[in-house]
Structures are given as C-alpha cells and as structure tokens.
Amino acid sequence: MNPSPAPSRTVLPGAIHAEQDGPVLRVHLNPARQDDTLGIAAVDALLALLDDLHDRPDVRVLVLSSLGEDFCLGADRSEYQAALAMDPTGGALRRIVDKAQRLCQALETTHAVTIARLHGKVIGAGLALAAYCDLRAGADTCRFRMPEVGLGLPPAWGGAMGRLVSEAGAARIRELMLTCGIFDAATAQRLGILHEVAPLDQLDRTVAAWTRPLLRRSPEALVLTKRMLAGYARADRTADPSLLDAHLLTAQLLPAAQGQAPRVP
C-alpha cells in the first residue's frame, strides 16, 4: 500500500521561503533588501533545510528560485568586511566561506533532484548555487556573470570553479572568469550551464515538464543515478583545490581590510 502524500506546508524562516506541495519542495531566496545578494542568513537557512531533508524521504524534487527581481547578484561582500572587522585574523571569514562550500556540496549530494529556476541576473555566488543543482532552467532574459577577478578576488565561493569546469568545459569557463564577461541565456545553454531556456511566463511550465516525470520514477533509481553522476563528476576533480577556497579568499581580503578595499569595476 502506497503511503499517503505529504500534506502541503509553508515554511518562512526569513531569508528563504519554502513551501512543500506533496513530494515537491519549492525554495525561494527571499532577499530582505533590494540588491538581491546572497547573505549569511540565506546560506544558514539553506544549509539547515538541506540537512533536514535527510529525514524527509517524502521530498523527491527541490525547486530553487528567488522572490527577488533577480535570482542572485552574488555574495554579500559587506558581510565579508564586517567579519574581518570583527575578527582581523580572518577566522570568522573562513567560517563564512566554508559554509558556502558545505551548502554547495549539500545541494550536490541531497537525495532530492534539485532544479534551479533562474530569472534576471545570475552572478557570482548565484551562478555557483545554480551550477550545483541537477537541472537548470532559465528565462530567456537571464544574464550571467562571474565578476570576482574584476573585484580583485579569486573565484572562491562554494568550490564552484571545479563544478563549472566539469559542467561547461575549461576553455569557456577560463575565458568568462578572466574577462568577467556578461553572457546571455542562449550562451549559457550552449555551454551546458542551462539545460532549458524559456520565456519568463513559461518558465514554471518548463520546470513542471521535468517535475511530473521525475515523480513517476523509482526513488531508489533516481538517488542511485544521482550518486553515480556525482561520483563520475568528482572523478574529474580529484585534485580539486576547493577546500582551500576559504583560505584563498581570506588571504586576498586581509590586506585589503588593512588598506584600500578591492576596486569595483
């Protein structure tokens, strides 16, 4: 006898807005300000939610989107400066960046199939977050950018460099990271960063076209396939230095905290 479907419920922890409809959990970034950056509160809330999923096998699909005007404009660098001001040794900042890596790893390894629903600008940490989702759909008006080098920083959020190289190829990611160039949804699809592109008013339909068949699949087969795919992807990242990302970013920002802040292009 099949178990009864889980009741719908909504969770509003503040930095994110989560609502469950049976086996589908829709999680929205819920920016408190107008700049749509990804702050520590959102990272903490997403980590707690993904950790909670270990005890919730009823959640089969997780759709990640945003309630803001843009999906995400990157990490909140003002929080980095505040962490350095509070702890000049850089320990607090390293802990913040370590959380970003744990979040991305949790997205990659959760049993639920993760779908990124993207709109507006998808920049820096926002692109990293999306890259760790299993499937990615974006509005045809999306614009993407990896701005870190232009800000005087290494691309060290969430260990995303290895993931992006694995998904899109080293040559194009090298170009986009070094030049900080803006690229559109069609380019993102050619690179494999987006699987599907649709007009914004049809984006939910595109996500639903994935969700419906996924819910008909065997949960065990889906989880095993996810684990196998993650294993093969990691095989290409055996020398992945992403565990050093927190130290790299802190080492770059510490001198800036003592003198002039990195220039914004």
Foldseek 3Di string as FASTA:
>chain_A
DDDDFDPWDWDCPPQWTWIDHGQEIEIAGEDPDQQQADELVNLVVLLVVLVVCVVPLRRAEYEYAYPHPFRHAYHDCVVVLVQCVVPVVLPSLLVSQVSQQSSLVSQLQRLHQYEYEGEAEQEQSSLLNLLSGNAYEYEQAYKYWYCQVVQVFDSQHNLSVLSLCLQQNDPVVVVRNVVRDMDTPVVCCVRRSHVYYHHPVCSVVVVVVVVVVSVVDDSVVSNVVSVVVVVVSCVSCVVRPSVCSSVRRSVRCSVCSVDPGGDRD
